[in-house]
Protein backbone atom coordinates (compact mmCIF):
# COMPACT_ATOMS: atom_id res chain seq x y z
CA UNK A 1 57.15 -3.26 19.25
CA UNK A 2 54.51 -5.85 20.19
CA UNK A 3 55.31 -9.10 18.46
CA UNK A 4 53.81 -12.53 18.22
CA UNK A 5 55.95 -15.51 17.24
CA UNK A 6 53.95 -18.49 15.98
CA UNK A 7 55.76 -21.76 16.77
CA UNK A 8 58.23 -22.50 19.58
CA UNK A 9 60.52 -24.70 17.65
CA UNK A 10 64.15 -23.90 16.81
CA UNK A 11 63.54 -20.79 14.70
CA UNK A 12 60.67 -19.48 16.71
CA UNK A 13 62.38 -19.69 20.11
CA UNK A 14 65.63 -18.07 18.93
CA UNK A 15 63.75 -15.36 17.06
CA UNK A 16 61.42 -14.58 19.92
CA UNK A 17 64.06 -14.63 22.62
CA UNK A 18 66.55 -12.41 20.70
CA UNK A 19 63.80 -9.86 19.68
CA UNK A 20 62.71 -9.65 23.35
CA UNK A 21 66.29 -9.11 24.39
CA UNK A 22 66.36 -5.84 22.44
CA UNK A 23 63.31 -4.45 24.38
CA UNK A 24 60.40 -5.67 22.25
CA UNK A 25 57.37 -7.30 23.95
CA UNK A 26 57.22 -10.82 22.47
CA UNK A 27 54.51 -13.43 22.87
CA UNK A 28 55.38 -16.91 21.60
CA UNK A 29 52.37 -19.04 20.61
CA UNK A 30 52.19 -22.84 20.33
CA UNK A 31 49.42 -25.43 20.31
CA UNK A 32 51.52 -27.79 22.51
CA UNK A 33 50.29 -26.92 26.03
CA UNK A 34 53.00 -29.08 27.66
CA UNK A 35 55.77 -27.25 25.82
CA UNK A 36 54.24 -23.87 26.69
CA UNK A 37 54.17 -24.77 30.37
CA UNK A 38 57.84 -25.89 30.23
CA UNK A 39 58.73 -22.53 28.62
CA UNK A 40 56.78 -20.59 31.22
CA UNK A 41 58.84 -22.28 33.87
CA UNK A 42 62.04 -21.24 32.15
CA UNK A 43 62.83 -24.63 30.59
CA UNK A 44 64.09 -24.92 27.05
CA UNK A 45 62.90 -27.83 24.97
CA UNK A 46 65.70 -27.58 22.42
CA UNK A 47 69.50 -27.85 22.66
CA UNK A 48 71.19 -24.60 21.66
CA UNK A 49 74.17 -23.14 23.60
CA UNK A 50 73.20 -20.03 25.60
CA UNK A 51 69.53 -20.01 24.65
CA UNK A 52 68.08 -21.21 27.95
CA UNK A 53 69.92 -18.54 29.92
CA UNK A 54 68.79 -15.75 27.58
CA UNK A 55 65.23 -17.06 27.56
CA UNK A 56 65.06 -17.02 31.34
CA UNK A 57 66.45 -13.49 31.58
CA UNK A 58 63.80 -12.09 29.26
CA UNK A 59 61.03 -14.15 30.79
CA UNK A 60 61.95 -12.72 34.26
CA UNK A 61 62.07 -9.23 32.78
CA UNK A 62 58.49 -9.61 31.49
CA UNK A 63 59.42 -9.04 27.86
CA UNK A 64 58.92 -12.64 26.81
CA UNK A 65 55.72 -14.62 27.40
CA UNK A 66 54.33 -17.95 26.22
CA UNK A 67 50.74 -18.83 25.53
CA UNK A 68 48.32 -21.18 23.71
CA UNK A 69 45.83 -18.26 23.26
CA UNK A 70 46.39 -17.72 19.56
CA UNK A 71 43.59 -15.24 18.98
CA UNK A 72 44.66 -13.01 21.84
CA UNK A 73 48.28 -12.99 20.81
CA UNK A 74 47.41 -12.21 17.16
CA UNK A 75 45.03 -9.38 18.02
CA UNK A 76 47.49 -7.64 20.31
CA UNK A 77 50.57 -7.84 18.02
CA UNK A 78 51.78 -5.22 15.62
CA UNK A 79 53.67 -7.86 13.74
CA UNK A 80 53.27 -11.65 13.63
CA UNK A 81 56.21 -13.95 12.70
CA UNK A 82 55.10 -17.29 11.27
CA UNK A 83 57.79 -19.82 12.37
CA UNK A 84 56.06 -23.21 12.00
CA UNK A 85 57.56 -26.28 10.34
CA UNK A 86 57.39 -26.93 6.53
CA UNK A 87 58.45 -30.60 6.29
CA UNK A 88 59.10 -31.92 2.84
CA UNK A 89 58.60 -35.34 1.23
CA UNK A 90 61.49 -37.23 -0.34
CA UNK A 91 60.98 -35.32 -3.54
CA UNK A 92 61.34 -31.93 -1.85
CA UNK A 93 57.75 -30.80 -1.96
CA UNK A 94 57.04 -28.66 1.13
CA UNK A 95 54.04 -29.35 3.30
CA UNK A 96 52.47 -25.82 3.82
CA UNK A 97 49.44 -27.01 5.83
CA UNK A 98 50.73 -25.63 9.12
CA UNK A 99 51.60 -22.30 7.52
CA UNK A 100 48.24 -21.89 5.84
CA UNK A 101 46.36 -23.05 8.95
CA UNK A 102 48.14 -20.29 10.89
CA UNK A 103 47.17 -17.82 8.19
CA UNK A 104 43.54 -18.79 8.50
CA UNK A 105 43.73 -18.40 12.26
CA UNK A 106 45.23 -14.98 11.92
CA UNK A 107 42.51 -13.88 9.58
CA UNK A 108 39.79 -15.10 11.97
CA UNK A 109 41.45 -13.40 14.91
CA UNK A 110 41.81 -10.07 13.06
CA UNK A 111 38.19 -10.19 11.90
CA UNK A 112 36.95 -10.92 15.43
CA UNK A 113 38.99 -8.11 17.00
CA UNK A 114 37.15 -4.78 17.65
CA UNK A 115 38.18 -1.84 15.53
CA UNK A 116 38.04 -0.24 12.11
CA UNK A 117 37.80 -2.37 9.00
CA UNK A 118 40.96 -0.84 7.70
CA UNK A 119 39.96 1.94 5.46
CA UNK A 120 40.96 4.73 7.91
CA UNK A 121 44.05 2.93 9.18
CA UNK A 122 47.38 4.36 7.90
CA UNK A 123 49.44 1.78 5.95
CA UNK A 124 52.32 2.16 8.34
CA UNK A 125 50.15 0.94 11.16
CA UNK A 126 48.79 -2.14 9.34
CA UNK A 127 49.51 -5.40 11.05
CA UNK A 128 52.51 -7.06 9.47
CA UNK A 129 52.39 -10.84 8.72
CA UNK A 130 55.96 -12.06 8.41
CA UNK A 131 56.70 -15.53 7.04
CA UNK A 132 60.00 -16.65 8.55
CA UNK A 133 59.57 -20.32 7.83
CA UNK A 134 61.56 -21.57 4.87
CA UNK A 135 58.88 -21.76 2.12
CA UNK A 136 58.80 -22.18 -1.66
CA UNK A 137 58.55 -19.06 -3.75
CA UNK A 138 54.91 -17.97 -3.93
CA UNK A 139 53.97 -19.04 -0.39
CA UNK A 140 53.61 -15.46 0.92
CA UNK A 141 50.97 -14.89 -1.79
CA UNK A 142 49.09 -17.98 -0.55
CA UNK A 143 49.29 -16.71 3.02
CA UNK A 144 48.01 -13.28 1.94
CA UNK A 145 45.03 -14.85 0.15
CA UNK A 146 44.21 -17.13 3.09
CA UNK A 147 44.09 -14.14 5.50
CA UNK A 148 42.27 -11.87 3.07
CA UNK A 149 39.57 -14.51 2.58
CA UNK A 150 38.69 -14.17 6.29
CA UNK A 151 39.01 -10.48 7.10
CA UNK A 152 38.43 -7.09 5.65
CA UNK A 153 40.91 -5.47 8.01
CA UNK A 154 44.14 -4.17 6.63
CA UNK A 155 47.41 -6.05 6.92
CA UNK A 156 50.73 -6.24 5.09
CA UNK A 157 52.91 -9.24 4.09
CA UNK A 158 56.62 -9.66 4.46
CA UNK A 159 59.16 -12.43 3.90
CA UNK A 160 62.01 -12.62 6.37
CA UNK A 161 64.04 -15.80 5.86
CA UNK A 162 66.21 -17.07 8.68
CA UNK A 163 69.90 -17.89 8.40
CA UNK A 164 70.60 -19.67 11.70
CA UNK A 165 73.20 -22.37 12.05
CA UNK A 166 72.38 -24.91 14.76
CA UNK A 167 74.98 -24.53 17.50
CA UNK A 168 75.66 -20.85 16.62
CA UNK A 169 72.10 -19.58 16.41
CA UNK A 170 72.33 -16.79 18.99
CA UNK A 171 75.42 -15.42 17.38
CA UNK A 172 73.88 -15.63 13.93
CA UNK A 173 70.76 -13.77 15.03
CA UNK A 174 72.53 -11.15 17.15
CA UNK A 175 75.35 -10.48 14.71
CA UNK A 176 74.00 -11.53 11.28
CA UNK A 177 75.99 -11.35 8.02
CA UNK A 178 72.88 -9.75 6.54
CA UNK A 179 69.16 -9.42 7.16
CA UNK A 180 66.85 -10.07 4.23
CA UNK A 181 63.31 -8.59 4.13
CA UNK A 182 60.91 -8.96 1.25
CA UNK A 183 57.95 -6.49 1.10
CA UNK A 184 55.42 -5.15 -1.38
CA UNK A 185 55.43 -1.69 0.21
CA UNK A 186 58.49 0.33 1.12
CA UNK A 187 56.86 1.64 4.30
CA UNK A 188 56.58 -1.83 5.71
CA UNK A 189 60.21 -2.41 4.86
CA UNK A 190 61.21 0.57 6.90
CA UNK A 191 59.23 -0.65 9.93
CA UNK A 192 61.14 -3.97 9.79
CA UNK A 193 64.45 -2.18 9.16
CA UNK A 194 63.87 -0.34 12.47
CA UNK A 195 63.19 -3.64 14.21
CA UNK A 196 66.43 -5.21 13.00
CA UNK A 197 68.75 -2.20 13.28
CA UNK A 198 69.98 -3.14 16.83
CA UNK A 199 71.44 -6.35 15.30
CA UNK A 200 73.45 -4.74 12.50
CA UNK A 201 75.33 -1.99 14.24
CA UNK A 202 78.59 -3.50 13.13
CA UNK A 203 77.63 -2.35 9.62
CA UNK A 204 76.27 -5.48 7.94
CA UNK A 205 73.44 -4.79 5.55
CA UNK A 206 69.68 -5.08 5.76
CA UNK A 207 68.46 -5.98 2.28
CA UNK A 208 64.96 -4.80 1.41
CA UNK A 209 63.64 -6.43 -1.74
CA UNK A 210 60.52 -7.85 -3.31
CA UNK A 211 58.86 -10.82 -1.63
CA UNK A 212 59.56 -13.44 -4.30
CA UNK A 213 63.29 -12.66 -4.28
CA UNK A 214 63.46 -12.82 -0.52
CA UNK A 215 61.76 -16.21 -0.56
CA UNK A 216 64.35 -17.43 -3.08
CA UNK A 217 67.42 -16.07 -1.19
CA UNK A 218 67.32 -18.70 1.57
CA UNK A 219 67.15 -21.54 -0.98
CA UNK A 220 69.86 -20.08 -3.16
CA UNK A 221 72.26 -19.64 -0.19
CA UNK A 222 71.69 -23.14 1.22
CA UNK A 223 71.91 -24.77 -2.24
CA UNK A 224 75.22 -23.01 -2.81
CA UNK A 225 76.72 -24.17 0.50
CA UNK A 226 75.43 -27.67 -0.14
CA UNK A 227 77.06 -27.62 -3.59
CA UNK A 228 80.42 -26.77 -2.03
CA UNK A 229 80.16 -29.73 0.30
CA UNK A 230 79.22 -32.21 -2.42
CA UNK A 231 82.04 -30.79 -4.64
CA UNK A 232 84.78 -31.36 -2.11
CA UNK A 233 83.50 -34.82 -1.37
CA UNK A 234 83.55 -35.73 -4.99
CA UNK A 235 87.11 -34.41 -5.27
CA UNK A 236 87.92 -36.47 -2.20
CA UNK A 237 86.82 -39.66 -3.97
CA UNK A 238 89.00 -38.67 -6.91
CA UNK A 239 91.97 -38.28 -4.58
CA UNK A 240 91.41 -41.78 -3.16
CA UNK A 241 91.34 -43.22 -6.65
CA UNK A 242 94.63 -41.52 -7.62
CA UNK A 243 96.63 -41.71 -4.38
CA UNK A 244 96.36 -37.94 -3.75
CA UNK A 245 95.75 -36.39 -0.33
CA UNK A 246 92.56 -34.32 -0.07
CA UNK A 247 94.05 -32.30 2.75
CA UNK A 248 96.94 -31.15 0.59
CA UNK A 249 94.60 -30.59 -2.40
CA UNK A 250 92.26 -28.56 -0.26
CA UNK A 251 94.96 -26.35 1.08
CA UNK A 252 96.29 -25.61 -2.36
CA UNK A 253 92.92 -24.97 -3.81
CA UNK A 254 91.55 -22.89 -0.95
CA UNK A 255 94.50 -20.55 -1.07
CA UNK A 256 92.92 -19.03 -4.09
CA UNK A 257 90.98 -16.11 -2.58
CA UNK A 258 88.28 -16.49 -5.24
CA UNK A 259 87.46 -19.92 -3.69
CA UNK A 260 88.01 -19.43 -0.02
CA UNK A 261 87.93 -22.29 2.52
CA UNK A 262 84.41 -22.37 4.00
CA UNK A 263 82.23 -25.45 3.56
CA UNK A 264 85.04 -27.23 1.68
CA UNK A 265 85.86 -29.91 4.26
CA UNK A 266 85.48 -33.48 3.09
CA UNK A 267 83.37 -35.87 5.18
CA UNK A 268 80.17 -37.86 5.25
CA UNK A 269 78.09 -35.21 3.55
CA UNK A 270 75.59 -32.73 4.85
CA UNK A 271 72.60 -33.41 6.99
CA UNK A 272 70.23 -31.52 9.30
CA UNK A 273 66.95 -29.82 8.72
CA UNK A 274 68.01 -27.30 5.98
CA UNK A 275 70.46 -28.41 3.35
CA UNK A 276 68.79 -31.71 2.35
CA UNK A 277 65.33 -30.19 2.39
CA UNK A 278 66.26 -26.92 0.57
CA UNK A 279 68.28 -28.60 -2.18
CA UNK A 280 65.32 -30.92 -2.94
CA UNK A 281 62.88 -27.96 -2.67
CA UNK A 282 64.82 -26.17 -5.40
CA UNK A 283 64.56 -29.28 -7.58
CA UNK A 284 60.83 -29.44 -6.89
CA UNK A 285 60.33 -25.74 -7.69
CA UNK A 286 62.11 -26.35 -10.99
CA UNK A 287 59.90 -29.22 -11.85
CA UNK A 288 56.80 -27.25 -11.01
CA UNK A 289 57.98 -24.42 -13.34
CA UNK A 290 59.35 -26.67 -16.09
CA UNK A 291 62.91 -25.57 -15.33
CA UNK A 292 65.68 -28.15 -15.25
CA UNK A 293 67.91 -28.20 -12.11
CA UNK A 294 70.48 -30.75 -13.16
CA UNK A 295 73.25 -29.38 -11.00
CA UNK A 296 71.19 -29.44 -7.79
CA UNK A 297 69.95 -32.97 -8.57
CA UNK A 298 73.64 -34.00 -8.76
CA UNK A 299 74.45 -32.20 -5.49
CA UNK A 300 71.88 -34.35 -3.71
CA UNK A 301 72.96 -37.52 -5.36
CA UNK A 302 76.61 -36.99 -4.57
CA UNK A 303 75.74 -36.19 -0.89
CA UNK A 304 73.75 -39.38 -0.44
CA UNK A 305 76.45 -41.47 -2.21
CA UNK A 306 79.11 -40.18 0.23
CA UNK A 307 77.49 -42.28 2.98
CA UNK A 308 77.41 -45.30 0.77
CA UNK A 309 81.13 -44.83 0.11
CA UNK A 310 82.02 -45.00 3.76
CA UNK A 311 79.73 -48.02 4.23
CA UNK A 312 81.58 -49.87 1.41
CA UNK A 313 84.91 -49.21 3.22
CA UNK A 314 83.58 -50.74 6.40
CA UNK A 315 82.02 -53.78 4.70
CA UNK A 316 85.00 -54.37 2.46
CA UNK A 317 87.38 -54.21 5.42
CA UNK A 318 85.51 -57.16 7.03
CA UNK A 319 85.52 -59.19 3.87
CA UNK A 320 82.09 -58.28 2.68
CA UNK A 321 80.25 -59.34 5.86
CA UNK A 322 79.70 -57.29 8.97
CA UNK A 323 77.22 -59.70 10.64
CA UNK A 324 78.26 -60.31 14.23
CA UNK A 325 80.59 -57.33 14.26
CA UNK A 326 80.39 -54.71 16.89
CA UNK A 327 80.83 -51.13 15.74
CA UNK A 328 81.52 -48.23 18.14
CA UNK A 329 80.12 -44.90 16.83
CA UNK A 330 81.24 -41.57 17.96
CA UNK A 331 78.76 -38.84 17.15
CA UNK A 332 75.01 -39.11 16.28
CA UNK A 333 74.13 -35.44 15.66
CA UNK A 334 74.49 -34.27 12.06
CA UNK A 335 77.13 -31.86 13.23
CA UNK A 336 78.73 -30.62 16.47
CA UNK A 337 76.94 -28.14 18.69
CA UNK A 338 73.42 -29.58 18.24
CA UNK A 339 71.27 -32.57 19.23
CA UNK A 340 69.64 -32.66 15.81
CA UNK A 341 69.80 -36.02 14.02
CA UNK A 342 67.53 -35.22 11.13
CA UNK A 343 69.15 -36.55 7.90
CA UNK A 344 72.32 -37.27 9.96
CA UNK A 345 74.90 -39.44 8.16
CA UNK A 346 75.22 -41.49 11.38
CA UNK A 347 71.63 -42.57 11.26
CA UNK A 348 71.94 -43.70 7.63
CA UNK A 349 75.12 -45.70 8.40
CA UNK A 350 73.79 -47.27 11.60
CA UNK A 351 70.54 -48.28 9.99
CA UNK A 352 72.49 -50.06 7.22
CA UNK A 353 74.97 -51.67 9.56
CA UNK A 354 72.12 -53.05 11.67
CA UNK A 355 70.35 -54.31 8.54
CA UNK A 356 73.53 -56.24 7.72
CA UNK A 357 73.69 -57.87 11.09
CA UNK A 358 76.13 -55.69 12.99
CA UNK A 359 75.65 -54.34 16.55
CA UNK A 360 76.28 -50.75 17.47
CA UNK A 361 77.35 -48.94 20.66
CA UNK A 362 77.17 -45.19 20.19
CA UNK A 363 78.08 -42.07 22.08
CA UNK A 364 77.05 -38.39 21.52
CA UNK A 365 77.37 -35.68 24.14
CA UNK A 366 74.09 -34.00 23.17
CA UNK A 367 71.99 -36.19 20.79
CA UNK A 368 71.42 -39.31 22.88
CA UNK A 369 67.68 -38.75 23.39
CA UNK A 370 66.94 -37.40 19.91
CA UNK A 371 68.74 -40.40 18.43
CA UNK A 372 66.73 -42.71 20.62
CA UNK A 373 63.52 -41.30 19.10
CA UNK A 374 64.80 -42.58 15.70
CA UNK A 375 66.77 -45.65 16.51
CA UNK A 376 64.98 -46.80 19.67
CA UNK A 377 66.69 -49.59 21.60
CA UNK A 378 68.19 -51.23 18.54
CA UNK A 379 71.64 -49.78 19.58
CA UNK A 380 73.45 -49.38 22.86
CA UNK A 381 73.87 -45.78 24.07
CA UNK A 382 77.18 -45.50 25.89
CA UNK A 383 77.70 -43.15 28.85
CA UNK A 384 80.85 -41.78 27.46
CA UNK A 385 83.11 -41.99 24.38
CA UNK A 386 85.58 -44.49 25.80
CA UNK A 387 83.10 -46.97 27.15
CA UNK A 388 81.48 -47.15 23.73
CA UNK A 389 84.77 -48.77 22.47
CA UNK A 390 84.82 -51.68 24.87
CA UNK A 391 84.97 -54.91 22.84
CA UNK A 392 84.30 -53.15 19.54
CA UNK A 393 85.73 -54.52 16.25
CA UNK A 394 85.96 -50.96 14.87
CA UNK A 395 85.30 -47.29 15.61
CA UNK A 396 83.25 -45.13 13.24
CA UNK A 397 83.48 -41.34 13.72
CA UNK A 398 80.38 -39.46 12.41
CA UNK A 399 80.45 -36.09 14.16
CA UNK A 400 83.38 -33.74 14.79
CA UNK A 401 82.67 -32.90 18.44
CA UNK A 402 85.70 -31.14 20.05
CA UNK A 403 86.14 -33.88 22.67
CA UNK A 404 86.92 -36.41 19.91
CA UNK A 405 89.85 -34.33 18.59
CA UNK A 406 92.62 -35.53 20.90
CA UNK A 407 91.81 -38.84 22.50
CA UNK A 408 94.26 -41.31 23.98
CA UNK A 409 94.99 -43.39 20.92
CA UNK A 410 96.68 -46.18 22.88
CA UNK A 411 93.55 -46.43 25.11
CA UNK A 412 91.41 -46.69 21.98
CA UNK A 413 93.51 -49.59 20.65
CA UNK A 414 93.53 -51.37 23.94
CA UNK A 415 89.76 -51.11 24.57
CA UNK A 416 88.70 -52.35 21.16
CA UNK A 417 88.78 -55.97 20.09
CA UNK A 418 89.85 -54.73 16.68
CA UNK A 419 92.25 -51.97 15.86
CA UNK A 420 90.54 -50.10 13.06
CA UNK A 421 89.06 -46.59 12.87
CA UNK A 422 86.76 -45.27 10.11
CA UNK A 423 86.97 -41.57 10.40
CA UNK A 424 84.18 -39.72 8.51
CA UNK A 425 85.39 -36.34 9.63
CA UNK A 426 89.20 -36.57 9.06
CA UNK A 427 89.99 -35.71 12.65
CA UNK A 428 93.41 -37.34 12.76
CA UNK A 429 96.69 -37.44 10.88
CA UNK A 430 97.12 -40.82 9.13
CA UNK A 431 100.77 -41.05 10.15
CA UNK A 432 99.88 -40.61 13.86
CA UNK A 433 97.21 -43.34 13.68
CA UNK A 434 99.71 -45.74 12.12
CA UNK A 435 102.33 -44.94 14.76
CA UNK A 436 99.76 -46.04 17.40
CA UNK A 437 99.08 -49.39 15.69
CA UNK A 438 95.64 -48.45 14.28
CA UNK A 439 94.29 -49.21 10.80
CA UNK A 440 92.91 -45.92 9.66
CA UNK A 441 90.39 -45.14 6.96
CA UNK A 442 89.45 -41.49 6.31
CA UNK A 443 87.98 -39.42 3.49
CA UNK A 444 90.06 -38.60 0.44
CA UNK A 445 93.27 -40.05 1.90
CA UNK A 446 94.86 -43.41 1.58
CA UNK A 447 94.39 -46.25 4.10
CA UNK A 448 97.26 -46.58 6.66
CA UNK A 449 98.15 -49.28 9.19
């Protein structure tokens, strides 16, 4: 199948590369000429394990190409995936300007292409416009109208939300739990089922449904996972208030097969490009429709408060004043396996520590440059995890990178001026930290040392 992917960001590159790898001819389109040139040379502008190697393999095989020629790519494609960004404001309202601009460009390209106006074209051969960006319910209808206003040629709409976890995106695309496709015509659904069948040979389902329901699935899934995270963090605060241990509580609770154990780890709360945006988008969609979303409002509020809770621990430990204190920070990305610092708890905490007069030396194995784009030179970027500790009054752990799991605790104590660790990811056993002479604060467990 000849495919065009609009946008070479995270979703677009993963989607285009994986679809090319199953034999499709994929053209990725972007307005950023510098990025396109990098991709043509086999470079990968985003951090995702395994992606650069797979991209180069399909580029060399001629199945994957990159261009700034939007009209040519749209005219040649049987299906066009819209994978551009839909940033939201602090109230959750999505900015659809990029999506609708692409829709207008597709309509213009279709109208300018030679060929029949559509009346004699079989529906099964109509060009399919697939919205893969995460968009509020009703966006596909807006895209349809924007295209239809510019061409009389036949096309069909489809919603195909992505479910990619940063750090595991190739696995998620190649072996998905499920594929969701929203269509208005069953024949279009079958064409997309054929496209995705190579990825579900292990038996996982392809769900064909109406477009509005498909648009809602992504929001519902992310809102549910975010709710689990905020729930366990609220229980963790209760544990701290009543001298209970969240690790023991979690084990006992998650042994109930109805509950399970995924996304029920206490910490600093969720971050990244999806959960914060999608929870607030659900709230905004509710407001627009006059439907109250009290639970999801609370999910967001609990998540943001979790960062404040850790900040209070730090400030209180130093007698209410961190000015002049030096904090070492391990982890800047919002989670391991990515360089993404969007909505990262680390950034929130660092910004507040700096505002209160502290200095920060931070280390992250992948997110140094993306963090620099946000924090600039207001902090020191250490070359490795141990050098970040030199002369620090305390260590703050914000990301659960594997290399932080089993450090030399005696070395940590000796390198730091202070002997205190604030662990936002519960990486260590409190008793072990106390044995090594460290004061240890974690989430949902008592202070030791």
